[in-house]
């Protein structure tokens, strides 16, 4: 059960990391567009370096996303197997959490 909770928290952190990484790539592409209007040797060197970094970042992101998808599938299979093997325990936990939430909400009113 704790493994399931850890997997969910790791998935959330991973999704945030991927969103941040996509944002960095987008911002770098925008920077690249603004630098492309400049001329001269320094600007060309900067453009080349940015292009190389973007290619590298996209490759890393592609690999990372593949790993995340694979781990998500494994976690989903483990969760499915756990629920099937421990159906009544899972139902009991869900009912307990529901009662707890109900009690907490009732106290607020």
C-alpha atoms as a PDB file:
ATOM      1  CA  UNK A   1       0.000   0.000   0.000  1.00  0.00           C
ATOM      2  CA  UNK A   2       2.826   2.385   0.880  1.00  0.00           C
ATOM      3  CA  UNK A   3       4.526   1.498  -2.404  1.00  0.00           C
ATOM      4  CA  UNK A   4       1.388   2.599  -4.237  1.00  0.00           C
ATOM      5  CA  UNK A   5       1.422   5.951  -2.434  1.00  0.00           C
ATOM      6  CA  UNK A   6       5.123   6.408  -3.218  1.00  0.00           C
ATOM      7  CA  UNK A   7       4.453   5.618  -6.880  1.00  0.00           C
ATOM      8  CA  UNK A   8       1.682   8.239  -7.027  1.00  0.00           C
ATOM      9  CA  UNK A   9       3.894  10.903  -5.411  1.00  0.00           C
ATOM     10  CA  UNK A  10       6.785  10.018  -7.732  1.00  0.00           C
ATOM     11  CA  UNK A  11       4.472  10.237 -10.737  1.00  0.00           C
ATOM     12  CA  UNK A  12       3.331  13.727  -9.687  1.00  0.00           C
ATOM     13  CA  UNK A  13       6.924  14.896  -9.243  1.00  0.00           C
ATOM     14  CA  UNK A  14       7.881  13.368 -12.572  1.00  0.00           C
ATOM     15  CA  UNK A  15       5.013  15.087 -14.358  1.00  0.00           C
ATOM     16  CA  UNK A  16       6.094  18.436 -12.893  1.00  0.00           C
ATOM     17  CA  UNK A  17       9.670  17.799 -13.992  1.00  0.00           C
ATOM     18  CA  UNK A  18       8.506  16.990 -17.522  1.00  0.00           C
ATOM     19  CA  UNK A  19       6.347  20.131 -17.626  1.00  0.00           C
ATOM     20  CA  UNK A  20       9.289  22.227 -16.447  1.00  0.00           C
ATOM     21  CA  UNK A  21      11.560  20.634 -19.013  1.00  0.00           C
ATOM     22  CA  UNK A  22       9.069  21.314 -21.826  1.00  0.00           C
ATOM     23  CA  UNK A  23       8.880  24.915 -20.638  1.00  0.00           C
ATOM     24  CA  UNK A  24      12.679  25.284 -20.752  1.00  0.00           C
ATOM     25  CA  UNK A  25      12.758  23.905 -24.285  1.00  0.00           C
ATOM     26  CA  UNK A  26      10.000  26.294 -25.396  1.00  0.00           C
ATOM     27  CA  UNK A  27      11.742  29.284 -23.849  1.00  0.00           C
ATOM     28  CA  UNK A  28      15.028  28.277 -25.460  1.00  0.00           C
ATOM     29  CA  UNK A  29      13.307  28.027 -28.842  1.00  0.00           C
ATOM     30  CA  UNK A  30      11.945  31.545 -28.352  1.00  0.00           C
ATOM     31  CA  UNK A  31      15.432  32.773 -27.459  1.00  0.00           C
ATOM     32  CA  UNK A  32      16.734  31.048 -30.568  1.00  0.00           C
ATOM     33  CA  UNK A  33      14.192  32.904 -32.715  1.00  0.00           C
ATOM     34  CA  UNK A  34      15.183  36.260 -31.242  1.00  0.00           C
ATOM     35  CA  UNK A  35      18.907  35.544 -31.738  1.00  0.00           C
ATOM     36  CA  UNK A  36      18.336  34.398 -35.319  1.00  0.00           C
ATOM     37  CA  UNK A  37      17.756  38.003 -36.359  1.00  0.00           C
ATOM     38  CA  UNK A  38      21.224  38.994 -35.161  1.00  0.00           C
ATOM     39  CA  UNK A  39      24.254  38.757 -37.415  1.00  0.00           C
ATOM     40  CA  UNK A  40      27.937  38.235 -36.788  1.00  0.00           C
ATOM     41  CA  UNK A  41      30.226  35.496 -35.582  1.00  0.00           C
ATOM     42  CA  UNK A  42      29.160  35.572 -31.929  1.00  0.00           C
ATOM     43  CA  UNK A  43      25.480  35.348 -32.835  1.00  0.00           C
ATOM     44  CA  UNK A  44      26.138  32.410 -35.160  1.00  0.00           C
ATOM     45  CA  UNK A  45      28.184  30.633 -32.487  1.00  0.00           C
ATOM     46  CA  UNK A  46      25.390  31.214 -29.976  1.00  0.00           C
ATOM     47  CA  UNK A  47      22.766  29.903 -32.407  1.00  0.00           C
ATOM     48  CA  UNK A  48      24.842  26.799 -33.054  1.00  0.00           C
ATOM     49  CA  UNK A  49      25.318  26.168 -29.356  1.00  0.00           C
ATOM     50  CA  UNK A  50      21.607  26.657 -28.642  1.00  0.00           C
ATOM     51  CA  UNK A  51      20.665  24.283 -31.483  1.00  0.00           C
ATOM     52  CA  UNK A  52      23.030  21.630 -30.132  1.00  0.00           C
ATOM     53  CA  UNK A  53      21.677  22.046 -26.606  1.00  0.00           C
ATOM     54  CA  UNK A  54      18.089  21.804 -27.857  1.00  0.00           C
ATOM     55  CA  UNK A  55      18.832  18.606 -29.776  1.00  0.00           C
ATOM     56  CA  UNK A  56      20.466  17.140 -26.701  1.00  0.00           C
ATOM     57  CA  UNK A  57      17.595  18.230 -24.440  1.00  0.00           C
ATOM     58  CA  UNK A  58      14.970  16.803 -26.790  1.00  0.00           C
ATOM     59  CA  UNK A  59      16.827  13.497 -26.913  1.00  0.00           C
ATOM     60  CA  UNK A  60      17.044  13.399 -23.116  1.00  0.00           C
ATOM     61  CA  UNK A  61      13.366  14.301 -22.784  1.00  0.00           C
ATOM     62  CA  UNK A  62      12.351  11.608 -25.268  1.00  0.00           C
ATOM     63  CA  UNK A  63      14.330   8.980 -23.354  1.00  0.00           C
ATOM     64  CA  UNK A  64      12.984  10.214 -20.018  1.00  0.00           C
ATOM     65  CA  UNK A  65       9.382  10.142 -21.223  1.00  0.00           C
ATOM     66  CA  UNK A  66       9.861   6.580 -22.447  1.00  0.00           C
ATOM     67  CA  UNK A  67      11.177   5.575 -19.035  1.00  0.00           C
ATOM     68  CA  UNK A  68       8.265   7.293 -17.288  1.00  0.00           C
ATOM     69  CA  UNK A  69       5.738   5.540 -19.519  1.00  0.00           C
ATOM     70  CA  UNK A  70       7.365   2.168 -18.833  1.00  0.00           C
ATOM     71  CA  UNK A  71       7.403   2.764 -15.068  1.00  0.00           C
ATOM     72  CA  UNK A  72       3.797   3.956 -15.148  1.00  0.00           C
ATOM     73  CA  UNK A  73       2.740   0.758 -16.872  1.00  0.00           C
ATOM     74  CA  UNK A  74       4.580  -1.321 -14.275  1.00  0.00           C
ATOM     75  CA  UNK A  75       2.969   0.660 -11.444  1.00  0.00           C
ATOM     76  CA  UNK A  76      -0.472   0.245 -13.032  1.00  0.00           C
ATOM     77  CA  UNK A  77       0.040  -3.514 -13.327  1.00  0.00           C
ATOM     78  CA  UNK A  78       1.204  -3.725  -9.686  1.00  0.00           C
ATOM     79  CA  UNK A  79      -1.779  -1.687  -8.538  1.00  0.00           C
ATOM     80  CA  UNK A  80      -4.164  -3.832 -10.551  1.00  0.00           C
ATOM     81  CA  UNK A  81      -2.628  -7.014  -9.157  1.00  0.00           C
ATOM     82  CA  UNK A  82      -2.762  -5.666  -5.593  1.00  0.00           C
ATOM     83  CA  UNK A  83      -6.420  -4.696  -5.898  1.00  0.00           C
ATOM     84  CA  UNK A  84      -7.319  -8.086  -7.362  1.00  0.00           C
ATOM     85  CA  UNK A  85      -5.379  -9.978  -4.704  1.00  0.00           C
ATOM     86  CA  UNK A  86      -6.625  -7.830  -1.830  1.00  0.00           C
ATOM     87  CA  UNK A  87     -10.068  -6.768  -3.027  1.00  0.00           C
ATOM     88  CA  UNK A  88     -11.764  -6.749   0.372  1.00  0.00           C
ATOM     89  CA  UNK A  89      -8.862  -5.000   2.054  1.00  0.00           C
ATOM     90  CA  UNK A  90      -8.935  -2.350  -0.654  1.00  0.00           C
ATOM     91  CA  UNK A  91     -12.684  -1.884  -0.242  1.00  0.00           C
ATOM     92  CA  UNK A  92     -12.241  -1.619   3.536  1.00  0.00           C
ATOM     93  CA  UNK A  93      -9.529   1.002   3.182  1.00  0.00           C
ATOM     94  CA  UNK A  94     -11.639   2.989   0.712  1.00  0.00           C
ATOM     95  CA  UNK A  95     -14.659   2.860   3.057  1.00  0.00           C
ATOM     96  CA  UNK A  96     -12.486   3.936   6.002  1.00  0.00           C
ATOM     97  CA  UNK A  97     -11.068   6.870   4.071  1.00  0.00           C
ATOM     98  CA  UNK A  98     -14.585   7.833   2.957  1.00  0.00           C
ATOM     99  CA  UNK A  99     -15.851   7.780   6.557  1.00  0.00           C
ATOM    100  CA  UNK A 100     -12.867   9.824   7.712  1.00  0.00           C
ATOM    101  CA  UNK A 101     -13.429  12.441   5.012  1.00  0.00           C
ATOM    102  CA  UNK A 102     -17.128  12.529   5.875  1.00  0.00           C
ATOM    103  CA  UNK A 103     -16.372  13.107   9.544  1.00  0.00           C
ATOM    104  CA  UNK A 104     -13.873  15.839   8.755  1.00  0.00           C
ATOM    105  CA  UNK A 105     -16.317  17.605   6.465  1.00  0.00           C
ATOM    106  CA  UNK A 106     -19.131  17.312   9.012  1.00  0.00           C
ATOM    107  CA  UNK A 107     -16.984  19.018  11.656  1.00  0.00           C
ATOM    108  CA  UNK A 108     -16.449  22.000   9.373  1.00  0.00           C
ATOM    109  CA  UNK A 109     -20.166  22.720   9.066  1.00  0.00           C
END
